[in-house]
Amino acid sequence: MTAIFEEIRRLEAARKKGDITAAAFAEAKGRLLATVEDATVLPPFEPAPQPRRTDSAAPGPWGLMLMGLCGAGLLTFLAGRLIGDLTIAFTLVATVFAAIVIAAFRKLEG
C-alpha cells in the first residue's frame, strides 16, 4: 500500500511541475488504483467483557438463606418473649419478612 501512495505522490509532483497533464495524471492514477484489491472491512474489535469477580468472603445464596432463616427464628423468639405469645410473634415476623421479599422483587423488576 505504501508503494502505491508513493507512486501517487510522485505522479502528483510531476503534474504540479507540469511534466504531465491533468488528464494523464488522472489516467495514471486510475490505472494505479485499479491494481489495488478490494479490502474487506471488519467491524471494530471489541474485547469480551471481563467476568465479574466474586468476593470469596461474601456468603453465597444458600448462606444468605440460612442467615435469613436464623435471623427470622431469633426475631420470632425475641418477639415471643417480649409479647408473651409465640404464635402472634411468628405471624408478625413472617409478615415483616414477606414485606422485605416483596420489596426486593420490586427493586429487581426495575
PDB file of N, CA and C in Angstrom:
ATOM      1  N   MET A   1       0.830  -1.186   0.000  1.00  0.00           N
ATOM      2  CA  MET A   1       0.000   0.000   0.000  1.00  0.00           C
ATOM      3  C   MET A   1       0.880   1.258   0.000  1.00  0.00           C
ATOM      4  N   THR A   2       1.997   1.214   0.726  1.00  0.00           N
ATOM      5  CA  THR A   2       2.861   2.382   0.792  1.00  0.00           C
ATOM      6  C   THR A   2       3.465   2.696  -0.568  1.00  0.00           C
ATOM      7  N   ALA A   3       3.783   1.655  -1.328  1.00  0.00           N
ATOM      8  CA  ALA A   3       4.353   1.870  -2.661  1.00  0.00           C
ATOM      9  C   ALA A   3       3.349   2.582  -3.564  1.00  0.00           C
ATOM     10  N   ILE A   4       2.084   2.244  -3.427  1.00  0.00           N
ATOM     11  CA  ILE A   4       1.057   2.899  -4.237  1.00  0.00           C
ATOM     12  C   ILE A   4       0.928   4.369  -3.853  1.00  0.00           C
ATOM     13  N   PHE A   5       0.968   4.653  -2.548  1.00  0.00           N
ATOM     14  CA  PHE A   5       0.896   6.051  -2.114  1.00  0.00           C
ATOM     15  C   PHE A   5       2.105   6.837  -2.618  1.00  0.00           C
ATOM     16  N   GLU A   6       3.269   6.226  -2.578  1.00  0.00           N
ATOM     17  CA  GLU A   6       4.473   6.903  -3.073  1.00  0.00           C
ATOM     18  C   GLU A   6       4.358   7.192  -4.568  1.00  0.00           C
ATOM     19  N   GLU A   7       3.808   6.239  -5.310  1.00  0.00           N
ATOM     20  CA  GLU A   7       3.643   6.432  -6.754  1.00  0.00           C
ATOM     21  C   GLU A   7       2.647   7.552  -7.051  1.00  0.00           C
ATOM     22  N   ILE A   8       1.557   7.615  -6.255  1.00  0.00           N
ATOM     23  CA  ILE A   8       0.569   8.691  -6.441  1.00  0.00           C
ATOM     24  C   ILE A   8       1.206  10.034  -6.107  1.00  0.00           C
ATOM     25  N   ARG A   9       2.003  10.087  -5.066  1.00  0.00           N
ATOM     26  CA  ARG A   9       2.692  11.347  -4.708  1.00  0.00           C
ATOM     27  C   ARG A   9       3.660  11.759  -5.817  1.00  0.00           C
ATOM     28  N   ARG A  10       4.371  10.781  -6.396  1.00  0.00           N
ATOM     29  CA  ARG A  10       5.302  11.082  -7.486  1.00  0.00           C
ATOM     30  C   ARG A  10       4.543  11.626  -8.702  1.00  0.00           C
ATOM     31  N   LEU A  11       3.390  10.990  -9.009  1.00  0.00           N
ATOM     32  CA  LEU A  11       2.583  11.472 -10.141  1.00  0.00           C
ATOM     33  C   LEU A  11       2.050  12.877  -9.875  1.00  0.00           C
ATOM     34  N   GLU A  12       1.623  13.121  -8.642  1.00  0.00           N
ATOM     35  CA  GLU A  12       1.093  14.448  -8.302  1.00  0.00           C
ATOM     36  C   GLU A  12       2.177  15.514  -8.378  1.00  0.00           C
ATOM     37  N   ALA A  13       3.392  15.174  -7.945  1.00  0.00           N
ATOM     38  CA  ALA A  13       4.506  16.130  -8.038  1.00  0.00           C
ATOM     39  C   ALA A  13       4.832  16.426  -9.497  1.00  0.00           C
ATOM     40  N   ALA A  14       4.772  15.387 -10.343  1.00  0.00           N
ATOM     41  CA  ALA A  14       5.046  15.589 -11.770  1.00  0.00           C
ATOM     42  C   ALA A  14       3.967  16.460 -12.395  1.00  0.00           C
ATOM     43  N   ARG A  15       2.705  16.299 -11.982  1.00  0.00           N
ATOM     44  CA  ARG A  15       1.617  17.124 -12.513  1.00  0.00           C
ATOM     45  C   ARG A  15       1.789  18.568 -12.078  1.00  0.00           C
ATOM     46  N   LYS A  16       2.208  18.771 -10.826  1.00  0.00           N
ATOM     47  CA  LYS A  16       2.382  20.152 -10.342  1.00  0.00           C
ATOM     48  C   LYS A  16       3.542  20.850 -11.057  1.00  0.00           C
ATOM     49  N   LYS A  17       4.564  20.076 -11.383  1.00  0.00           N
ATOM     50  CA  LYS A  17       5.703  20.666 -12.112  1.00  0.00           C
ATOM     51  C   LYS A  17       5.372  20.925 -13.568  1.00  0.00           C
ATOM     52  N   GLY A  18       4.330  20.262 -14.059  1.00  0.00           N
ATOM     53  CA  GLY A  18       3.946  20.443 -15.453  1.00  0.00           C
ATOM     54  C   GLY A  18       4.517  19.383 -16.365  1.00  0.00           C
ATOM     55  N   ASP A  19       5.147  18.325 -15.796  1.00  0.00           N
ATOM     56  CA  ASP A  19       5.715  17.261 -16.621  1.00  0.00           C
ATOM     57  C   ASP A  19       4.623  16.426 -17.291  1.00  0.00           C
ATOM     58  N   ILE A  20       3.460  16.256 -16.611  1.00  0.00           N
ATOM     59  CA  ILE A  20       2.340  15.522 -17.209  1.00  0.00           C
ATOM     60  C   ILE A  20       1.093  16.391 -17.100  1.00  0.00           C
ATOM     61  N   THR A  21       0.124  16.116 -17.971  1.00  0.00           N
ATOM     62  CA  THR A  21      -1.115  16.889 -17.952  1.00  0.00           C
ATOM     63  C   THR A  21      -2.054  16.324 -16.879  1.00  0.00           C
ATOM     64  N   ALA A  22      -3.111  17.073 -16.619  1.00  0.00           N
ATOM     65  CA  ALA A  22      -4.100  16.625 -15.630  1.00  0.00           C
ATOM     66  C   ALA A  22      -4.806  15.365 -16.104  1.00  0.00           C
ATOM     67  N   ALA A  23      -5.051  15.251 -17.406  1.00  0.00           N
ATOM     68  CA  ALA A  23      -5.713  14.060 -17.943  1.00  0.00           C
ATOM     69  C   ALA A  23      -4.809  12.846 -17.814  1.00  0.00           C
ATOM     70  N   ALA A  24      -3.510  13.023 -18.114  1.00  0.00           N
ATOM     71  CA  ALA A  24      -2.555  11.913 -17.994  1.00  0.00           C
ATOM     72  C   ALA A  24      -2.420  11.503 -16.527  1.00  0.00           C
ATOM     73  N   PHE A  25      -2.425  12.511 -15.630  1.00  0.00           N
ATOM     74  CA  PHE A  25      -2.357  12.218 -14.197  1.00  0.00           C
ATOM     75  C   PHE A  25      -3.568  11.401 -13.756  1.00  0.00           C
ATOM     76  N   ALA A  26      -4.767  11.809 -14.181  1.00  0.00           N
ATOM     77  CA  ALA A  26      -5.990  11.098 -13.796  1.00  0.00           C
ATOM     78  C   ALA A  26      -5.984   9.674 -14.354  1.00  0.00           C
ATOM     79  N   GLU A  27      -5.498   9.516 -15.596  1.00  0.00           N
ATOM     80  CA  GLU A  27      -5.452   8.182 -16.198  1.00  0.00           C
ATOM     81  C   GLU A  27      -4.452   7.281 -15.469  1.00  0.00           C
ATOM     82  N   ALA A  28      -3.290   7.804 -15.148  1.00  0.00           N
ATOM     83  CA  ALA A  28      -2.264   7.012 -14.460  1.00  0.00           C
ATOM     84  C   ALA A  28      -2.714   6.667 -13.037  1.00  0.00           C
ATOM     85  N   LYS A  29      -3.332   7.614 -12.392  1.00  0.00           N
ATOM     86  CA  LYS A  29      -3.826   7.364 -11.034  1.00  0.00           C
ATOM     87  C   LYS A  29      -4.941   6.317 -11.055  1.00  0.00           C
ATOM     88  N   GLY A  30      -5.821   6.377 -12.048  1.00  0.00           N
ATOM     89  CA  GLY A  30      -6.896   5.397 -12.186  1.00  0.00           C
ATOM     90  C   GLY A  30      -6.357   3.998 -12.422  1.00  0.00           C
ATOM     91  N   ARG A  31      -5.325   3.870 -13.308  1.00  0.00           N
ATOM     92  CA  ARG A  31      -4.722   2.562 -13.549  1.00  0.00           C
ATOM     93  C   ARG A  31      -4.053   2.025 -12.286  1.00  0.00           C
ATOM     94  N   LEU A  32      -3.411   2.911 -11.557  1.00  0.00           N
ATOM     95  CA  LEU A  32      -2.725   2.512 -10.324  1.00  0.00           C
ATOM     96  C   LEU A  32      -3.711   2.044  -9.264  1.00  0.00           C
ATOM     97  N   LEU A  33      -4.804   2.783  -9.106  1.00  0.00           N
ATOM     98  CA  LEU A  33      -5.813   2.406  -8.110  1.00  0.00           C
ATOM     99  C   LEU A  33      -6.583   1.166  -8.522  1.00  0.00           C
ATOM    100  N   ALA A  34      -6.668   0.885  -9.820  1.00  0.00           N
ATOM    101  CA  ALA A  34      -7.371  -0.314 -10.283  1.00  0.00           C
ATOM    102  C   ALA A  34      -6.605  -1.580  -9.921  1.00  0.00           C
ATOM    103  N   THR A  35      -5.299  -1.453  -9.704  1.00  0.00           N
ATOM    104  CA  THR A  35      -4.499  -2.627  -9.328  1.00  0.00           C
ATOM    105  C   THR A  35      -4.680  -3.017  -7.870  1.00  0.00           C
ATOM    106  N   VAL A  36      -5.261  -2.144  -7.093  1.00  0.00           N
ATOM    107  CA  VAL A  36      -5.452  -2.420  -5.662  1.00  0.00           C
ATOM    108  C   VAL A  36      -6.661  -3.324  -5.491  1.00  0.00           C
ATOM    109  N   GLU A  37      -6.483  -4.390  -4.720  1.00  0.00           N
ATOM    110  CA  GLU A  37      -7.597  -5.293  -4.444  1.00  0.00           C
ATOM    111  C   GLU A  37      -8.534  -4.645  -3.433  1.00  0.00           C
ATOM    112  N   ASP A  38      -9.811  -5.016  -3.542  1.00  0.00           N
ATOM    113  CA  ASP A  38     -10.778  -4.511  -2.568  1.00  0.00           C
ATOM    114  C   ASP A  38     -10.474  -5.131  -1.214  1.00  0.00           C
ATOM    115  N   ALA A  39     -10.453  -4.303  -0.219  1.00  0.00           N
ATOM    116  CA  ALA A  39     -10.174  -4.788   1.130  1.00  0.00           C
ATOM    117  C   ALA A  39     -11.480  -5.114   1.837  1.00  0.00           C
ATOM    118  N   THR A  40     -11.435  -6.132   2.645  1.00  0.00           N
ATOM    119  CA  THR A  40     -12.590  -6.484   3.456  1.00  0.00           C
ATOM    120  C   THR A  40     -12.521  -5.678   4.745  1.00  0.00           C
ATOM    121  N   VAL A  41     -13.549  -4.930   5.006  1.00  0.00           N
ATOM    122  CA  VAL A  41     -13.582  -4.104   6.209  1.00  0.00           C
ATOM    123  C   VAL A  41     -14.247  -4.903   7.315  1.00  0.00           C
ATOM    124  N   LEU A  42     -13.499  -5.113   8.373  1.00  0.00           N
ATOM    125  CA  LEU A  42     -14.020  -5.855   9.516  1.00  0.00           C
ATOM    126  C   LEU A  42     -14.611  -4.892  10.524  1.00  0.00           C
ATOM    127  N   PRO A  43     -15.578  -5.344  11.292  1.00  0.00           N
ATOM    128  CA  PRO A  43     -16.113  -4.460  12.334  1.00  0.00           C
ATOM    129  C   PRO A  43     -15.033  -4.177  13.369  1.00  0.00           C
ATOM    130  N   PRO A  44     -15.143  -3.074  14.081  1.00  0.00           N
ATOM    131  CA  PRO A  44     -14.115  -2.745  15.068  1.00  0.00           C
ATOM    132  C   PRO A  44     -14.038  -3.819  16.145  1.00  0.00           C
ATOM    133  N   PHE A  45     -12.840  -4.051  16.606  1.00  0.00           N
ATOM    134  CA  PHE A  45     -12.616  -5.078  17.620  1.00  0.00           C
ATOM    135  C   PHE A  45     -13.130  -4.604  18.965  1.00  0.00           C
ATOM    136  N   GLU A  46     -13.941  -5.441  19.568  1.00  0.00           N
ATOM    137  CA  GLU A  46     -14.443  -5.145  20.907  1.00  0.00           C
ATOM    138  C   GLU A  46     -14.049  -6.313  21.800  1.00  0.00           C
ATOM    139  N   PRO A  47     -13.249  -6.048  22.815  1.00  0.00           N
ATOM    140  CA  PRO A  47     -12.839  -7.158  23.679  1.00  0.00           C
ATOM    141  C   PRO A  47     -14.029  -7.707  24.448  1.00  0.00           C
ATOM    142  N   ALA A  48     -13.946  -8.991  24.756  1.00  0.00           N
ATOM    143  CA  ALA A  48     -15.011  -9.632  25.525  1.00  0.00           C
ATOM    144  C   ALA A  48     -15.052  -9.019  26.922  1.00  0.00           C
ATOM    145  N   PRO A  49     -16.243  -8.811  27.464  1.00  0.00           N
ATOM    146  CA  PRO A  49     -16.311  -8.227  28.798  1.00  0.00           C
ATOM    147  C   PRO A  49     -15.662  -9.150  29.821  1.00  0.00           C
ATOM    148  N   GLN A  50     -14.978  -8.534  30.751  1.00  0.00           N
ATOM    149  CA  GLN A  50     -14.312  -9.300  31.799  1.00  0.00           C
ATOM    150  C   GLN A  50     -15.358  -9.914  32.717  1.00  0.00           C
ATOM    151  N   PRO A  51     -15.188 -11.180  33.089  1.00  0.00           N
ATOM    152  CA  PRO A  51     -16.147 -11.777  34.023  1.00  0.00           C
ATOM    153  C   PRO A  51     -16.059 -11.095  35.379  1.00  0.00           C
ATOM    154  N   ARG A  52     -17.221 -10.963  35.977  1.00  0.00           N
ATOM    155  CA  ARG A  52     -17.260 -10.289  37.283  1.00  0.00           C
ATOM    156  C   ARG A  52     -16.618 -11.180  38.329  1.00  0.00           C
ATOM    157  N   ARG A  53     -15.768 -10.573  39.113  1.00  0.00           N
ATOM    158  CA  ARG A  53     -15.120 -11.319  40.186  1.00  0.00           C
ATOM    159  C   ARG A  53     -16.035 -11.315  41.398  1.00  0.00           C
ATOM    160  N   THR A  54     -16.155 -12.457  42.004  1.00  0.00           N
ATOM    161  CA  THR A  54     -16.957 -12.542  43.214  1.00  0.00           C
ATOM    162  C   THR A  54     -16.029 -12.570  44.407  1.00  0.00           C
ATOM    163  N   ASP A  55     -16.437 -11.899  45.425  1.00  0.00           N
ATOM    164  CA  ASP A  55     -15.646 -11.861  46.637  1.00  0.00           C
ATOM    165  C   ASP A  55     -15.852 -13.178  47.374  1.00  0.00           C
ATOM    166  N   SER A  56     -14.773 -13.868  47.659  1.00  0.00           N
ATOM    167  CA  SER A  56     -14.894 -15.179  48.296  1.00  0.00           C
ATOM    168  C   SER A  56     -15.382 -15.060  49.739  1.00  0.00           C
ATOM    169  N   ALA A  57     -15.279 -13.867  50.322  1.00  0.00           N
ATOM    170  CA  ALA A  57     -15.728 -13.689  51.700  1.00  0.00           C
ATOM    171  C   ALA A  57     -17.246 -13.507  51.784  1.00  0.00           C
ATOM    172  N   ALA A  58     -17.896 -13.160  50.661  1.00  0.00           N
ATOM    173  CA  ALA A  58     -19.341 -12.937  50.676  1.00  0.00           C
ATOM    174  C   ALA A  58     -20.066 -14.284  50.709  1.00  0.00           C
ATOM    175  N   PRO A  59     -21.140 -14.386  51.472  1.00  0.00           N
ATOM    176  CA  PRO A  59     -21.867 -15.650  51.516  1.00  0.00           C
ATOM    177  C   PRO A  59     -22.623 -15.887  50.210  1.00  0.00           C
ATOM    178  N   GLY A  60     -22.753 -17.138  49.823  1.00  0.00           N
ATOM    179  CA  GLY A  60     -23.478 -17.496  48.609  1.00  0.00           C
ATOM    180  C   GLY A  60     -24.973 -17.423  48.860  1.00  0.00           C
ATOM    181  N   PRO A  61     -25.783 -17.833  47.868  1.00  0.00           N
ATOM    182  CA  PRO A  61     -27.240 -17.757  48.042  1.00  0.00           C
ATOM    183  C   PRO A  61     -27.736 -18.653  49.173  1.00  0.00           C
ATOM    184  N   TRP A  62     -27.113 -19.810  49.351  1.00  0.00           N
ATOM    185  CA  TRP A  62     -27.556 -20.692  50.433  1.00  0.00           C
ATOM    186  C   TRP A  62     -27.161 -20.116  51.788  1.00  0.00           C
ATOM    187  N   GLY A  63     -26.012 -19.469  51.836  1.00  0.00           N
ATOM    188  CA  GLY A  63     -25.582 -18.840  53.084  1.00  0.00           C
ATOM    189  C   GLY A  63     -26.504 -17.696  53.478  1.00  0.00           C
ATOM    190  N   LEU A  64     -26.923 -16.913  52.478  1.00  0.00           N
ATOM    191  CA  LEU A  64     -27.845 -15.813  52.758  1.00  0.00           C
ATOM    192  C   LEU A  64     -29.199 -16.336  53.241  1.00  0.00           C
ATOM    193  N   MET A  65     -29.656 -17.435  52.621  1.00  0.00           N
ATOM    194  CA  MET A  65     -30.933 -18.001  53.036  1.00  0.00           C
ATOM    195  C   MET A  65     -30.839 -18.546  54.465  1.00  0.00           C
ATOM    196  N   LEU A  66     -29.729 -19.194  54.780  1.00  0.00           N
ATOM    197  CA  LEU A  66     -29.542 -19.724  56.128  1.00  0.00           C
ATOM    198  C   LEU A  66     -29.470 -18.596  57.157  1.00  0.00           C
ATOM    199  N   MET A  67     -28.776 -17.517  56.785  1.00  0.00           N
ATOM    200  CA  MET A  67     -28.692 -16.368  57.691  1.00  0.00           C
ATOM    201  C   MET A  67     -30.077 -15.747  57.892  1.00  0.00           C
ATOM    202  N   GLY A  68     -30.875 -15.660  56.829  1.00  0.00           N
ATOM    203  CA  GLY A  68     -32.219 -15.097  56.943  1.00  0.00           C
ATOM    204  C   GLY A  68     -33.121 -15.949  57.825  1.00  0.00           C
ATOM    205  N   LEU A  69     -33.036 -17.266  57.663  1.00  0.00           N
ATOM    206  CA  LEU A  69     -33.854 -18.158  58.491  1.00  0.00           C
ATOM    207  C   LEU A  69     -33.437 -18.094  59.956  1.00  0.00           C
ATOM    208  N   CYS A  70     -32.150 -18.050  60.196  1.00  0.00           N
ATOM    209  CA  CYS A  70     -31.679 -17.924  61.588  1.00  0.00           C
ATOM    210  C   CYS A  70     -32.124 -16.593  62.188  1.00  0.00           C
ATOM    211  N   GLY A  71     -32.031 -15.534  61.381  1.00  0.00           N
ATOM    212  CA  GLY A  71     -32.476 -14.229  61.857  1.00  0.00           C
ATOM    213  C   GLY A  71     -33.966 -14.215  62.155  1.00  0.00           C
ATOM    214  N   ALA A  72     -34.755 -14.859  61.268  1.00  0.00           N
ATOM    215  CA  ALA A  72     -36.204 -14.919  61.494  1.00  0.00           C
ATOM    216  C   ALA A  72     -36.526 -15.722  62.747  1.00  0.00           C
ATOM    217  N   GLY A  73     -35.816 -16.826  62.934  1.00  0.00           N
ATOM    218  CA  GLY A  73     -36.047 -17.627  64.152  1.00  0.00           C
ATOM    219  C   GLY A  73     -35.699 -16.871  65.408  1.00  0.00           C
ATOM    220  N   LEU A  74     -34.569 -16.181  65.385  1.00  0.00           N
ATOM    221  CA  LEU A  74     -34.161 -15.400  66.564  1.00  0.00           C
ATOM    222  C   LEU A  74     -35.137 -14.259  66.813  1.00  0.00           C
ATOM    223  N   LEU A  75     -35.553 -13.578  65.750  1.00  0.00           N
ATOM    224  CA  LEU A  75     -36.505 -12.485  65.905  1.00  0.00           C
ATOM    225  C   LEU A  75     -37.852 -12.988  66.417  1.00  0.00           C
ATOM    226  N   THR A  76     -38.279 -14.157  65.940  1.00  0.00           N
ATOM    227  CA  THR A  76     -39.531 -14.748  66.424  1.00  0.00           C
ATOM    228  C   THR A  76     -39.429 -15.069  67.922  1.00  0.00           C
ATOM    229  N   PHE A  77     -38.311 -15.660  68.311  1.00  0.00           N
ATOM    230  CA  PHE A  77     -38.121 -15.998  69.727  1.00  0.00           C
ATOM    231  C   PHE A  77     -38.113 -14.748  70.603  1.00  0.00           C
ATOM    232  N   LEU A  78     -37.374 -13.711  70.147  1.00  0.00           N
ATOM    233  CA  LEU A  78     -37.312 -12.483  70.963  1.00  0.00           C
ATOM    234  C   LEU A  78     -38.667 -11.777  71.019  1.00  0.00           C
ATOM    235  N   ALA A  79     -39.373 -11.726  69.875  1.00  0.00           N
ATOM    236  CA  ALA A  79     -40.689 -11.088  69.865  1.00  0.00           C
ATOM    237  C   ALA A  79     -41.676 -11.887  70.711  1.00  0.00           C
ATOM    238  N   GLY A  80     -41.557 -13.223  70.677  1.00  0.00           N
ATOM    239  CA  GLY A  80     -42.423 -14.067  71.512  1.00  0.00           C
ATOM    240  C   GLY A  80     -42.183 -13.830  72.991  1.00  0.00           C
ATOM    241  N   ARG A  81     -40.927 -13.653  73.369  1.00  0.00           N
ATOM    242  CA  ARG A  81     -40.624 -13.363  74.780  1.00  0.00           C
ATOM    243  C   ARG A  81     -41.143 -11.982  75.174  1.00  0.00           C
ATOM    244  N   LEU A  82     -41.046 -11.026  74.225  1.00  0.00           N
ATOM    245  CA  LEU A  82     -41.477  -9.658  74.521  1.00  0.00           C
ATOM    246  C   LEU A  82     -42.998  -9.561  74.587  1.00  0.00           C
ATOM    247  N   ILE A  83     -43.690 -10.168  73.603  1.00  0.00           N
ATOM    248  CA  ILE A  83     -45.151 -10.087  73.542  1.00  0.00           C
ATOM    249  C   ILE A  83     -45.793 -11.062  74.521  1.00  0.00           C
ATOM    250  N   GLY A  84     -45.180 -12.243  74.648  1.00  0.00           N
ATOM    251  CA  GLY A  84     -45.744 -13.243  75.535  1.00  0.00           C
ATOM    252  C   GLY A  84     -46.494 -14.334  74.792  1.00  0.00           C
ATOM    253  N   ASP A  85     -46.644 -14.198  73.471  1.00  0.00           N
ATOM    254  CA  ASP A  85     -47.347 -15.217  72.673  1.00  0.00           C
ATOM    255  C   ASP A  85     -46.502 -15.523  71.444  1.00  0.00           C
ATOM    256  N   LEU A  86     -46.061 -16.770  71.308  1.00  0.00           N
ATOM    257  CA  LEU A  86     -45.184 -17.161  70.210  1.00  0.00           C
ATOM    258  C   LEU A  86     -45.918 -17.165  68.867  1.00  0.00           C
ATOM    259  N   THR A  87     -47.213 -17.465  68.840  1.00  0.00           N
ATOM    260  CA  THR A  87     -47.983 -17.502  67.599  1.00  0.00           C
ATOM    261  C   THR A  87     -48.099 -16.109  66.996  1.00  0.00           C
ATOM    262  N   ILE A  88     -48.412 -15.121  67.821  1.00  0.00           N
ATOM    263  CA  ILE A  88     -48.507 -13.738  67.334  1.00  0.00           C
ATOM    264  C   ILE A  88     -47.133 -13.250  66.882  1.00  0.00           C
ATOM    265  N   ALA A  89     -46.090 -13.601  67.602  1.00  0.00           N
ATOM    266  CA  ALA A  89     -44.734 -13.196  67.234  1.00  0.00           C
ATOM    267  C   ALA A  89     -44.348 -13.797  65.882  1.00  0.00           C
ATOM    268  N   PHE A  90     -44.683 -15.086  65.668  1.00  0.00           N
ATOM    269  CA  PHE A  90     -44.381 -15.730  64.382  1.00  0.00           C
ATOM    270  C   PHE A  90     -45.130 -15.046  63.241  1.00  0.00           C
ATOM    271  N   THR A  91     -46.393 -14.713  63.456  1.00  0.00           N
ATOM    272  CA  THR A  91     -47.184 -14.026  62.439  1.00  0.00           C
ATOM    273  C   THR A  91     -46.582 -12.671  62.106  1.00  0.00           C
ATOM    274  N   LEU A  92     -46.172 -11.942  63.126  1.00  0.00           N
ATOM    275  CA  LEU A  92     -45.567 -10.623  62.928  1.00  0.00           C
ATOM    276  C   LEU A  92     -44.261 -10.726  62.149  1.00  0.00           C
ATOM    277  N   VAL A  93     -43.392 -11.654  62.523  1.00  0.00           N
ATOM    278  CA  VAL A  93     -42.097 -11.807  61.852  1.00  0.00           C
ATOM    279  C   VAL A  93     -42.303 -12.292  60.416  1.00  0.00           C
ATOM    280  N   ALA A  94     -43.218 -13.219  60.180  1.00  0.00           N
ATOM    281  CA  ALA A  94     -43.482 -13.710  58.818  1.00  0.00           C
ATOM    282  C   ALA A  94     -43.985 -12.579  57.927  1.00  0.00           C
ATOM    283  N   THR A  95     -44.828 -11.708  58.483  1.00  0.00           N
ATOM    284  CA  THR A  95     -45.341 -10.568  57.722  1.00  0.00           C
ATOM    285  C   THR A  95     -44.228  -9.591  57.363  1.00  0.00           C
ATOM    286  N   VAL A  96     -43.339  -9.327  58.312  1.00  0.00           N
ATOM    287  CA  VAL A  96     -42.225  -8.397  58.050  1.00  0.00           C
ATOM    288  C   VAL A  96     -41.295  -8.974  56.984  1.00  0.00           C
ATOM    289  N   PHE A  97     -40.954 -10.254  57.095  1.00  0.00           N
ATOM    290  CA  PHE A  97     -40.068 -10.858  56.108  1.00  0.00           C
ATOM    291  C   PHE A  97     -40.740 -10.953  54.736  1.00  0.00           C
ATOM    292  N   ALA A  98     -42.044 -11.182  54.680  1.00  0.00           N
ATOM    293  CA  ALA A  98     -42.753 -11.191  53.403  1.00  0.00           C
ATOM    294  C   ALA A  98     -42.698  -9.814  52.749  1.00  0.00           C
ATOM    295  N   ALA A  99     -42.829  -8.762  53.549  1.00  0.00           N
ATOM    296  CA  ALA A  99     -42.740  -7.397  53.008  1.00  0.00           C
ATOM    297  C   ALA A  99     -41.335  -7.117  52.471  1.00  0.00           C
ATOM    298  N   ILE A 100     -40.316  -7.633  53.160  1.00  0.00           N
ATOM    299  CA  ILE A 100     -38.932  -7.440  52.687  1.00  0.00           C
ATOM    300  C   ILE A 100     -38.716  -8.161  51.363  1.00  0.00           C
ATOM    301  N   VAL A 101     -39.222  -9.368  51.236  1.00  0.00           N
ATOM    302  CA  VAL A 101     -39.083 -10.135  49.984  1.00  0.00           C
ATOM    303  C   VAL A 101     -39.810  -9.439  48.835  1.00  0.00           C
ATOM    304  N   ILE A 102     -41.012  -8.945  49.092  1.00  0.00           N
ATOM    305  CA  ILE A 102     -41.761  -8.239  48.051  1.00  0.00           C
ATOM    306  C   ILE A 102     -41.037  -6.967  47.609  1.00  0.00           C
ATOM    307  N   ALA A 103     -40.485  -6.235  48.567  1.00  0.00           N
ATOM    308  CA  ALA A 103     -39.724  -5.021  48.223  1.00  0.00           C
ATOM    309  C   ALA A 103     -38.486  -5.369  47.397  1.00  0.00           C
ATOM    310  N   ALA A 104     -37.837  -6.475  47.715  1.00  0.00           N
ATOM    311  CA  ALA A 104     -36.647  -6.889  46.947  1.00  0.00           C
ATOM    312  C   ALA A 104     -37.034  -7.259  45.523  1.00  0.00           C
ATOM    313  N   PHE A 105     -38.145  -7.979  45.343  1.00  0.00           N
ATOM    314  CA  PHE A 105     -38.586  -8.342  43.995  1.00  0.00           C
ATOM    315  C   PHE A 105     -38.999  -7.115  43.186  1.00  0.00           C
ATOM    316  N   ARG A 106     -39.621  -6.155  43.821  1.00  0.00           N
ATOM    317  CA  ARG A 106     -39.990  -4.920  43.099  1.00  0.00           C
ATOM    318  C   ARG A 106     -38.740  -4.163  42.656  1.00  0.00           C
ATOM    319  N   LYS A 107     -37.726  -4.163  43.499  1.00  0.00           N
ATOM    320  CA  LYS A 107     -36.480  -3.478  43.137  1.00  0.00           C
ATOM    321  C   LYS A 107     -35.809  -4.195  41.972  1.00  0.00           C
ATOM    322  N   LEU A 108     -35.908  -5.527  41.906  1.00  0.00           N
ATOM    323  CA  LEU A 108     -35.327  -6.270  40.795  1.00  0.00           C
ATOM    324  C   LEU A 108     -36.053  -6.009  39.485  1.00  0.00           C
ATOM    325  N   GLU A 109     -37.373  -5.783  39.543  1.00  0.00           N
ATOM    326  CA  GLU A 109     -38.143  -5.535  38.332  1.00  0.00           C
ATOM    327  C   GLU A 109     -37.775  -4.225  37.664  1.00  0.00           C
ATOM    328  N   GLY A 110     -37.329  -3.273  38.397  1.00  0.00           N
ATOM    329  CA  GLY A 110     -36.933  -2.045  37.723  1.00  0.00           C
ATOM    330  C   GLY A 110     -37.250  -0.892  38.524  1.00  0.00           C
TER     331      GLY A 110
END
